Amino acid sequence: MNGGELYFHVANFGRFSEERVRFYAVELILALRELHKKGYIYRDLKLENILLTKDGHIKITDFGLSQVIPNSTNIIQQQPQQPPQQSISPSDTTGTLEYMAPEILLGQPSGISIDWWALGVVLYEMSCAFHPFWHEDRHIIHERILTAPIDFPSWISMDLQDLISNLLERNPIKRLGSSSSSSSSSNEQHQIQNHPFFKSIQFDQILTRSIPPPYIPADIGDALLDPNQLGDQLMEEEHPLSELSPSLKTEWDIKSPESLN
């Protein structure tokens, strides 16, 4: 992939515009929905596993941790519009800590909703250029995933805050994307697709690539050899991931989802 990992772009160029976050979010939702329909949980969604093509679209990679949902084949054949909801083993805690859903850390059975939790973390990182639960001590990251409130910088719109907050719902039954979080007639994609953050974009047009990507990358391989090829991209965003940590958030007007209700 000529565009490299999304991690490279966030770490070096900083947070993305909401237009760009929205576009990538839709492509990720479509990809995860397809995996779930086929009976797989991805289980390793993170910036390092999201690649940017030379045309500006994204692709997910590294399916080494993906897992077949038990008895999913018959469910997909009989009800193709309803993603399988079986749980995977509670003892299976392999993965990247920073993107693990609370139910995994608690040793509870988990299902497709763990992918939607990871999507919430990824959207936060793309929008803020830092991790919502970051700390140098991994034990504290673990505890923050389970209990810490989710704070937002003031530049994050209310709709995006609400979307991320609902994806980072600690109760997997209530999490956006879980079939239990709304009426039984709605499938997982529709629950997310109908969120106000996506009111300005058509999922079908993204699927057919009728909407051009908001950003066309320079060739990362060439850029690493000659940084000048990146040109104004280095100035595209304000806060590089490599320079940010939650300790710096005191300088900003931080808003908590609870305070916005």
C-alpha atoms as a PDB file:
ATOM      1  CA  MET A   1       0.000   0.000   0.000  1.00  0.00           C
ATOM      2  CA  ASN A   2       1.714   3.162  -1.178  1.00  0.00           C
ATOM      3  CA  GLY A   3       0.024   5.356   1.427  1.00  0.00           C
ATOM      4  CA  GLY A   4       1.310   3.417   4.428  1.00  0.00           C
ATOM      5  CA  GLU A   5      -0.376   2.783   7.771  1.00  0.00           C
ATOM      6  CA  LEU A   6      -2.834   5.272   9.238  1.00  0.00           C
ATOM      7  CA  TYR A   7      -0.615   5.245  12.314  1.00  0.00           C
ATOM      8  CA  PHE A   8       2.165   6.782  10.232  1.00  0.00           C
ATOM      9  CA  HIS A   9      -0.111   9.623   9.135  1.00  0.00           C
ATOM     10  CA  VAL A  10      -1.499  10.381  12.591  1.00  0.00           C
ATOM     11  CA  ALA A  11       1.899  10.096  14.281  1.00  0.00           C
ATOM     12  CA  ASN A  12       3.649  12.320  11.784  1.00  0.00           C
ATOM     13  CA  PHE A  13       0.974  14.726  10.550  1.00  0.00           C
ATOM     14  CA  GLY A  14      -1.447  14.852  13.485  1.00  0.00           C
ATOM     15  CA  ARG A  15      -5.188  14.586  13.863  1.00  0.00           C
ATOM     16  CA  PHE A  16      -7.503  14.338  10.869  1.00  0.00           C
ATOM     17  CA  SER A  17     -10.354  16.633   9.881  1.00  0.00           C
ATOM     18  CA  GLU A  18     -13.821  15.315  10.715  1.00  0.00           C
ATOM     19  CA  GLU A  19     -14.534  14.977   7.004  1.00  0.00           C
ATOM     20  CA  ARG A  20     -11.598  12.616   6.720  1.00  0.00           C
ATOM     21  CA  VAL A  21     -12.540  10.748   9.909  1.00  0.00           C
ATOM     22  CA  ARG A  22     -16.082  10.318   8.586  1.00  0.00           C
ATOM     23  CA  PHE A  23     -14.903   8.903   5.265  1.00  0.00           C
ATOM     24  CA  TYR A  24     -12.538   6.396   6.871  1.00  0.00           C
ATOM     25  CA  ALA A  25     -15.157   5.470   9.469  1.00  0.00           C
ATOM     26  CA  VAL A  26     -17.651   4.513   6.767  1.00  0.00           C
ATOM     27  CA  GLU A  27     -15.109   2.383   4.918  1.00  0.00           C
ATOM     28  CA  LEU A  28     -14.179   0.645   8.183  1.00  0.00           C
ATOM     29  CA  ILE A  29     -17.820   0.033   9.072  1.00  0.00           C
ATOM     30  CA  LEU A  30     -18.460  -1.500   5.647  1.00  0.00           C
ATOM     31  CA  ALA A  31     -15.392  -3.738   5.989  1.00  0.00           C
ATOM     32  CA  LEU A  32     -16.274  -4.917   9.503  1.00  0.00           C
ATOM     33  CA  ARG A  33     -19.877  -5.492   8.527  1.00  0.00           C
ATOM     34  CA  GLU A  34     -18.749  -7.751   5.677  1.00  0.00           C
ATOM     35  CA  LEU A  35     -16.467  -9.745   7.962  1.00  0.00           C
ATOM     36  CA  HIS A  36     -19.252 -10.182  10.508  1.00  0.00           C
ATOM     37  CA  LYS A  37     -21.704 -11.291   7.830  1.00  0.00           C
ATOM     38  CA  LYS A  38     -19.228 -13.958   6.770  1.00  0.00           C
ATOM     39  CA  GLY A  39     -18.922 -15.170  10.351  1.00  0.00           C
ATOM     40  CA  TYR A  40     -15.658 -13.624  11.485  1.00  0.00           C
ATOM     41  CA  ILE A  41     -14.634 -11.334  14.324  1.00  0.00           C
ATOM     42  CA  TYR A  42     -11.639  -9.241  13.266  1.00  0.00           C
ATOM     43  CA  ARG A  43     -10.279  -8.715  16.807  1.00  0.00           C
ATOM     44  CA  ASP A  44      -7.268  -6.578  15.889  1.00  0.00           C
ATOM     45  CA  LEU A  45      -8.516  -3.244  14.594  1.00  0.00           C
ATOM     46  CA  LYS A  46      -5.896  -0.557  15.248  1.00  0.00           C
ATOM     47  CA  LEU A  47      -4.201   2.240  13.320  1.00  0.00           C
ATOM     48  CA  GLU A  48      -1.238   0.012  12.467  1.00  0.00           C
ATOM     49  CA  ASN A  49      -3.542  -2.464  10.703  1.00  0.00           C
ATOM     50  CA  ILE A  50      -5.334   0.120   8.573  1.00  0.00           C
ATOM     51  CA  LEU A  51      -3.509   0.839   5.328  1.00  0.00           C
ATOM     52  CA  LEU A  52      -4.020   3.758   2.984  1.00  0.00           C
ATOM     53  CA  THR A  53      -3.983   3.003  -0.732  1.00  0.00           C
ATOM     54  CA  LYS A  54      -2.419   5.295  -3.294  1.00  0.00           C
ATOM     55  CA  ASP A  55      -5.963   6.322  -4.282  1.00  0.00           C
ATOM     56  CA  GLY A  56      -6.867   7.419  -0.749  1.00  0.00           C
ATOM     57  CA  HIS A  57      -9.031   4.472   0.290  1.00  0.00           C
ATOM     58  CA  ILE A  58      -8.326   2.299   3.315  1.00  0.00           C
ATOM     59  CA  LYS A  59      -7.859  -1.437   3.682  1.00  0.00           C
ATOM     60  CA  ILE A  60      -7.508  -3.521   6.823  1.00  0.00           C
ATOM     61  CA  THR A  61      -4.746  -6.081   7.100  1.00  0.00           C
ATOM     62  CA  ASP A  62      -3.306  -8.745   9.424  1.00  0.00           C
ATOM     63  CA  PHE A  63      -6.053 -11.256  10.118  1.00  0.00           C
ATOM     64  CA  GLY A  64      -3.892 -13.425  12.364  1.00  0.00           C
ATOM     65  CA  LEU A  65      -6.128 -12.856  15.394  1.00  0.00           C
ATOM     66  CA  SER A  66      -9.417 -13.131  13.523  1.00  0.00           C
ATOM     67  CA  GLN A  67     -11.725 -15.813  14.796  1.00  0.00           C
ATOM     68  CA  VAL A  68     -14.623 -17.708  13.312  1.00  0.00           C
ATOM     69  CA  ILE A  69     -17.808 -17.160  15.261  1.00  0.00           C
ATOM     70  CA  PRO A  70     -19.074 -20.572  16.445  1.00  0.00           C
ATOM     71  CA  ASN A  71     -21.948 -21.975  14.359  1.00  0.00           C
ATOM     72  CA  SER A  72     -21.981 -18.839  12.213  1.00  0.00           C
ATOM     73  CA  THR A  73     -22.253 -20.599   8.832  1.00  0.00           C
ATOM     74  CA  ASN A  74     -25.866 -21.687   9.217  1.00  0.00           C
ATOM     75  CA  ILE A  75     -26.858 -18.312  10.639  1.00  0.00           C
ATOM     76  CA  ILE A  76     -25.403 -16.467   7.652  1.00  0.00           C
ATOM     77  CA  GLN A  77     -27.135 -18.798   5.206  1.00  0.00           C
ATOM     78  CA  GLN A  78     -30.500 -18.530   6.912  1.00  0.00           C
ATOM     79  CA  GLN A  79     -30.438 -14.863   7.937  1.00  0.00           C
ATOM     80  CA  PRO A  80     -27.894 -12.977   5.793  1.00  0.00           C
ATOM     81  CA  GLN A  81     -29.010  -9.607   7.145  1.00  0.00           C
ATOM     82  CA  GLN A  82     -28.535 -10.563  10.796  1.00  0.00           C
ATOM     83  CA  PRO A  83     -24.877 -10.802  11.925  1.00  0.00           C
ATOM     84  CA  PRO A  84     -24.108 -13.798  14.166  1.00  0.00           C
ATOM     85  CA  GLN A  85     -24.025 -13.019  17.887  1.00  0.00           C
ATOM     86  CA  GLN A  86     -22.295 -16.070  19.381  1.00  0.00           C
ATOM     87  CA  SER A  87     -19.516 -15.424  21.847  1.00  0.00           C
ATOM     88  CA  ILE A  88     -15.898 -16.477  21.651  1.00  0.00           C
ATOM     89  CA  SER A  89     -13.986 -18.041  24.526  1.00  0.00           C
ATOM     90  CA  PRO A  90     -13.621 -15.825  27.599  1.00  0.00           C
ATOM     91  CA  SER A  91     -10.099 -17.185  28.073  1.00  0.00           C
ATOM     92  CA  ASP A  92      -8.892 -15.839  24.713  1.00  0.00           C
ATOM     93  CA  THR A  93      -7.289 -12.488  25.582  1.00  0.00           C
ATOM     94  CA  THR A  94      -4.737 -12.242  22.779  1.00  0.00           C
ATOM     95  CA  GLY A  95      -4.583  -8.891  21.030  1.00  0.00           C
ATOM     96  CA  THR A  96      -3.386  -5.335  21.590  1.00  0.00           C
ATOM     97  CA  LEU A  97      -4.214  -4.058  25.081  1.00  0.00           C
ATOM     98  CA  GLU A  98      -4.937  -0.485  23.995  1.00  0.00           C
ATOM     99  CA  TYR A  99      -7.785  -1.689  21.738  1.00  0.00           C
ATOM    100  CA  MET A 100      -9.238  -4.434  23.917  1.00  0.00           C
ATOM    101  CA  ALA A 101     -12.857  -4.109  24.988  1.00  0.00           C
ATOM    102  CA  PRO A 102     -13.641  -4.276  28.718  1.00  0.00           C
ATOM    103  CA  GLU A 103     -15.320  -7.672  28.439  1.00  0.00           C
ATOM    104  CA  ILE A 104     -12.058  -9.165  27.164  1.00  0.00           C
ATOM    105  CA  LEU A 105     -10.067  -7.712  30.063  1.00  0.00           C
ATOM    106  CA  LEU A 106     -12.665  -9.002  32.514  1.00  0.00           C
ATOM    107  CA  GLY A 107     -12.472 -12.518  31.089  1.00  0.00           C
ATOM    108  CA  GLN A 108     -16.075 -12.468  29.959  1.00  0.00           C
ATOM    109  CA  PRO A 109     -17.485 -14.010  26.768  1.00  0.00           C
ATOM    110  CA  SER A 110     -17.223 -11.613  23.854  1.00  0.00           C
ATOM    111  CA  GLY A 111     -18.604 -11.256  20.357  1.00  0.00           C
ATOM    112  CA  ILE A 112     -18.645  -8.972  17.351  1.00  0.00           C
ATOM    113  CA  SER A 113     -19.157  -5.908  19.532  1.00  0.00           C
ATOM    114  CA  ILE A 114     -15.445  -5.985  20.456  1.00  0.00           C
ATOM    115  CA  ASP A 115     -14.742  -4.806  16.906  1.00  0.00           C
ATOM    116  CA  TRP A 116     -17.052  -1.810  17.425  1.00  0.00           C
ATOM    117  CA  TRP A 117     -15.241  -0.924  20.657  1.00  0.00           C
ATOM    118  CA  ALA A 118     -11.932  -0.947  18.766  1.00  0.00           C
ATOM    119  CA  LEU A 119     -13.507   1.248  16.088  1.00  0.00           C
ATOM    120  CA  GLY A 120     -14.372   3.771  18.791  1.00  0.00           C
ATOM    121  CA  VAL A 121     -10.739   3.838  19.928  1.00  0.00           C
ATOM    122  CA  VAL A 122      -9.519   4.278  16.341  1.00  0.00           C
ATOM    123  CA  LEU A 123     -11.951   7.138  15.662  1.00  0.00           C
ATOM    124  CA  TYR A 124     -10.807   8.858  18.849  1.00  0.00           C
ATOM    125  CA  GLU A 125      -7.159   8.534  17.817  1.00  0.00           C
ATOM    126  CA  MET A 126      -7.815   9.867  14.325  1.00  0.00           C
ATOM    127  CA  SER A 127      -9.760  12.817  15.739  1.00  0.00           C
ATOM    128  CA  CYS A 128      -7.539  13.686  18.718  1.00  0.00           C
ATOM    129  CA  ALA A 129      -4.110  12.277  17.803  1.00  0.00           C
ATOM    130  CA  PHE A 130      -3.792  10.496  21.145  1.00  0.00           C
ATOM    131  CA  HIS A 131      -5.263   7.416  22.793  1.00  0.00           C
ATOM    132  CA  PRO A 132      -8.339   7.830  25.034  1.00  0.00           C
ATOM    133  CA  PHE A 133      -6.870   5.645  27.810  1.00  0.00           C
ATOM    134  CA  TRP A 134      -3.153   6.147  27.330  1.00  0.00           C
ATOM    135  CA  HIS A 135      -0.613   5.894  30.125  1.00  0.00           C
ATOM    136  CA  GLU A 136       3.012   4.743  30.252  1.00  0.00           C
ATOM    137  CA  ASP A 137       2.023   2.082  32.780  1.00  0.00           C
ATOM    138  CA  ARG A 138       0.114  -0.678  31.010  1.00  0.00           C
ATOM    139  CA  HIS A 139      -1.628  -1.660  34.244  1.00  0.00           C
ATOM    140  CA  ILE A 140      -3.112   1.829  34.367  1.00  0.00           C
ATOM    141  CA  ILE A 141      -4.217   1.536  30.731  1.00  0.00           C
ATOM    142  CA  HIS A 142      -6.012  -1.646  31.780  1.00  0.00           C
ATOM    143  CA  GLU A 143      -7.781   0.141  34.628  1.00  0.00           C
ATOM    144  CA  ARG A 144      -8.639   3.179  32.510  1.00  0.00           C
ATOM    145  CA  ILE A 145     -10.292   0.998  29.867  1.00  0.00           C
ATOM    146  CA  LEU A 146     -12.494  -0.446  32.602  1.00  0.00           C
ATOM    147  CA  THR A 147     -13.345   2.698  34.575  1.00  0.00           C
ATOM    148  CA  ALA A 148     -11.971   6.019  33.297  1.00  0.00           C
ATOM    149  CA  PRO A 149     -14.342   8.669  31.882  1.00  0.00           C
ATOM    150  CA  ILE A 150     -13.820   9.543  28.230  1.00  0.00           C
ATOM    151  CA  ASP A 151     -12.748  13.148  27.781  1.00  0.00           C
ATOM    152  CA  PHE A 152     -12.802  15.088  24.517  1.00  0.00           C
ATOM    153  CA  PRO A 153     -10.887  18.156  23.323  1.00  0.00           C
ATOM    154  CA  SER A 154     -13.112  21.122  22.499  1.00  0.00           C
ATOM    155  CA  TRP A 155     -12.597  20.778  18.726  1.00  0.00           C
ATOM    156  CA  ILE A 156     -14.517  17.476  18.574  1.00  0.00           C
ATOM    157  CA  SER A 157     -18.105  18.036  17.398  1.00  0.00           C
ATOM    158  CA  MET A 158     -21.027  16.923  19.538  1.00  0.00           C
ATOM    159  CA  ASP A 159     -22.078  14.312  16.965  1.00  0.00           C
ATOM    160  CA  LEU A 160     -18.614  12.756  16.844  1.00  0.00           C
ATOM    161  CA  GLN A 161     -18.357  12.790  20.631  1.00  0.00           C
ATOM    162  CA  ASP A 162     -21.679  10.979  20.842  1.00  0.00           C
ATOM    163  CA  LEU A 163     -20.670   8.397  18.229  1.00  0.00           C
ATOM    164  CA  ILE A 164     -17.382   7.598  19.946  1.00  0.00           C
ATOM    165  CA  SER A 165     -19.022   7.521  23.385  1.00  0.00           C
ATOM    166  CA  ASN A 166     -21.603   4.996  22.185  1.00  0.00           C
ATOM    167  CA  LEU A 167     -18.953   2.813  20.560  1.00  0.00           C
ATOM    168  CA  LEU A 168     -16.925   2.956  23.792  1.00  0.00           C
ATOM    169  CA  GLU A 169     -19.915   1.848  25.853  1.00  0.00           C
ATOM    170  CA  ARG A 170     -18.518  -0.559  28.443  1.00  0.00           C
ATOM    171  CA  ASN A 171     -21.647  -2.696  28.493  1.00  0.00           C
ATOM    172  CA  PRO A 172     -21.412  -4.717  25.245  1.00  0.00           C
ATOM    173  CA  ILE A 173     -25.179  -5.227  25.191  1.00  0.00           C
ATOM    174  CA  LYS A 174     -25.732  -1.465  25.047  1.00  0.00           C
ATOM    175  CA  ARG A 175     -22.785  -0.721  22.752  1.00  0.00           C
ATOM    176  CA  LEU A 176     -23.597   0.810  19.393  1.00  0.00           C
ATOM    177  CA  GLY A 177     -23.435  -1.966  16.819  1.00  0.00           C
ATOM    178  CA  SER A 178     -24.813  -4.611  19.169  1.00  0.00           C
ATOM    179  CA  SER A 179     -28.155  -5.945  17.968  1.00  0.00           C
ATOM    180  CA  SER A 180     -29.377  -5.674  21.544  1.00  0.00           C
ATOM    181  CA  SER A 181     -28.809  -1.903  21.647  1.00  0.00           C
ATOM    182  CA  SER A 182     -31.861  -1.175  19.494  1.00  0.00           C
ATOM    183  CA  SER A 183     -34.910  -2.914  18.039  1.00  0.00           C
ATOM    184  CA  SER A 184     -34.479  -6.391  16.612  1.00  0.00           C
ATOM    185  CA  SER A 185     -35.328  -5.120  13.128  1.00  0.00           C
ATOM    186  CA  SER A 186     -32.061  -3.141  12.944  1.00  0.00           C
ATOM    187  CA  ASN A 187     -28.819  -4.838  12.085  1.00  0.00           C
ATOM    188  CA  GLU A 188     -25.434  -3.736  13.354  1.00  0.00           C
ATOM    189  CA  GLN A 189     -24.491  -1.540  10.406  1.00  0.00           C
ATOM    190  CA  HIS A 190     -27.807   0.284  10.376  1.00  0.00           C
ATOM    191  CA  GLN A 191     -27.470   1.146  14.049  1.00  0.00           C
ATOM    192  CA  ILE A 192     -24.194   2.904  13.339  1.00  0.00           C
ATOM    193  CA  GLN A 193     -25.103   4.159   9.872  1.00  0.00           C
ATOM    194  CA  ASN A 194     -28.136   5.989  11.227  1.00  0.00           C
ATOM    195  CA  HIS A 195     -26.075   7.964  13.723  1.00  0.00           C
ATOM    196  CA  PRO A 196     -26.228  11.773  13.165  1.00  0.00           C
ATOM    197  CA  PHE A 197     -22.475  11.913  12.528  1.00  0.00           C
ATOM    198  CA  PHE A 198     -23.120  10.207   9.184  1.00  0.00           C
ATOM    199  CA  LYS A 199     -26.112  12.279   8.078  1.00  0.00           C
ATOM    200  CA  SER A 200     -24.025  14.108   5.459  1.00  0.00           C
ATOM    201  CA  ILE A 201     -22.720  10.996   3.732  1.00  0.00           C
ATOM    202  CA  GLN A 202     -24.249   8.069   1.844  1.00  0.00           C
ATOM    203  CA  PHE A 203     -22.860   4.639   2.682  1.00  0.00           C
ATOM    204  CA  ASP A 204     -23.874   3.233  -0.715  1.00  0.00           C
ATOM    205  CA  GLN A 205     -21.869   5.916  -2.477  1.00  0.00           C
ATOM    206  CA  ILE A 206     -18.809   5.058  -0.419  1.00  0.00           C
ATOM    207  CA  LEU A 207     -19.317   1.364  -1.197  1.00  0.00           C
ATOM    208  CA  THR A 208     -19.428   2.058  -4.944  1.00  0.00           C
ATOM    209  CA  ARG A 209     -16.596   4.600  -4.644  1.00  0.00           C
ATOM    210  CA  SER A 210     -18.778   7.325  -6.079  1.00  0.00           C
ATOM    211  CA  ILE A 211     -17.397   9.802  -3.539  1.00  0.00           C
ATOM    212  CA  PRO A 212     -13.714  10.725  -3.946  1.00  0.00           C
ATOM    213  CA  PRO A 213     -11.500  10.299  -0.876  1.00  0.00           C
ATOM    214  CA  PRO A 214     -10.823  13.527   1.025  1.00  0.00           C
ATOM    215  CA  TYR A 215      -7.069  12.924   0.982  1.00  0.00           C
ATOM    216  CA  ILE A 216      -4.658  11.448  -1.572  1.00  0.00           C
ATOM    217  CA  PRO A 217      -1.357  10.436   0.062  1.00  0.00           C
ATOM    218  CA  ALA A 218       2.150  10.882  -1.193  1.00  0.00           C
ATOM    219  CA  ASP A 219       4.042   7.655  -1.768  1.00  0.00           C
ATOM    220  CA  ILE A 220       5.273   6.839   1.751  1.00  0.00           C
ATOM    221  CA  GLY A 221       8.262   4.879   0.470  1.00  0.00           C
ATOM    222  CA  ASP A 222       9.490   7.839  -1.542  1.00  0.00           C
ATOM    223  CA  ALA A 223       8.613  10.281   1.219  1.00  0.00           C
ATOM    224  CA  LEU A 224      10.750   8.440   3.751  1.00  0.00           C
ATOM    225  CA  LEU A 225      13.696   8.828   1.398  1.00  0.00           C
ATOM    226  CA  ASP A 226      12.859  12.436   0.557  1.00  0.00           C
ATOM    227  CA  PRO A 227      10.693  14.182   3.214  1.00  0.00           C
ATOM    228  CA  ASN A 228      10.342  17.217   0.942  1.00  0.00           C
ATOM    229  CA  GLN A 229       7.987  15.149  -1.231  1.00  0.00           C
ATOM    230  CA  LEU A 230       5.407  15.394   1.545  1.00  0.00           C
ATOM    231  CA  GLY A 231       5.257  19.156   1.052  1.00  0.00           C
ATOM    232  CA  ASP A 232       2.392  20.838   2.852  1.00  0.00           C
ATOM    233  CA  GLN A 233       1.175  17.543   4.320  1.00  0.00           C
ATOM    234  CA  LEU A 234       3.581  18.088   7.211  1.00  0.00           C
ATOM    235  CA  MET A 235       1.588  21.192   8.096  1.00  0.00           C
ATOM    236  CA  GLU A 236      -1.845  19.647   7.569  1.00  0.00           C
ATOM    237  CA  GLU A 237      -2.641  19.069  11.235  1.00  0.00           C
ATOM    238  CA  GLU A 238      -1.763  20.709  14.514  1.00  0.00           C
ATOM    239  CA  HIS A 239      -0.993  18.036  17.097  1.00  0.00           C
ATOM    240  CA  PRO A 240       1.259  15.081  16.112  1.00  0.00           C
ATOM    241  CA  LEU A 241       0.591  11.851  18.002  1.00  0.00           C
ATOM    242  CA  SER A 242       4.288  11.585  18.863  1.00  0.00           C
ATOM    243  CA  GLU A 243       4.095  14.874  20.790  1.00  0.00           C
ATOM    244  CA  LEU A 244       0.823  14.350  22.612  1.00  0.00           C
ATOM    245  CA  SER A 245      -0.041  12.603  25.839  1.00  0.00           C
ATOM    246  CA  PRO A 246      -3.044  12.858  28.182  1.00  0.00           C
ATOM    247  CA  SER A 247      -0.880  14.900  30.568  1.00  0.00           C
ATOM    248  CA  LEU A 248      -0.991  17.739  28.028  1.00  0.00           C
ATOM    249  CA  LYS A 249      -4.786  17.791  27.924  1.00  0.00           C
ATOM    250  CA  THR A 250      -4.917  20.231  30.806  1.00  0.00           C
ATOM    251  CA  GLU A 251      -3.927  22.910  28.294  1.00  0.00           C
ATOM    252  CA  TRP A 252      -7.130  22.391  26.337  1.00  0.00           C
ATOM    253  CA  ASP A 253     -10.803  22.878  27.006  1.00  0.00           C
ATOM    254  CA  ILE A 254     -11.640  19.253  27.718  1.00  0.00           C
ATOM    255  CA  LYS A 255     -15.241  18.109  27.661  1.00  0.00           C
ATOM    256  CA  SER A 256     -16.527  14.893  29.159  1.00  0.00           C
ATOM    257  CA  PRO A 257     -19.541  13.171  27.562  1.00  0.00           C
ATOM    258  CA  GLU A 258     -21.267  13.162  30.942  1.00  0.00           C
ATOM    259  CA  SER A 259     -20.982  16.952  31.203  1.00  0.00           C
ATOM    260  CA  LEU A 260     -22.624  17.422  27.814  1.00  0.00           C
ATOM    261  CA  ASN A 261     -25.916  15.792  28.758  1.00  0.00           C
END
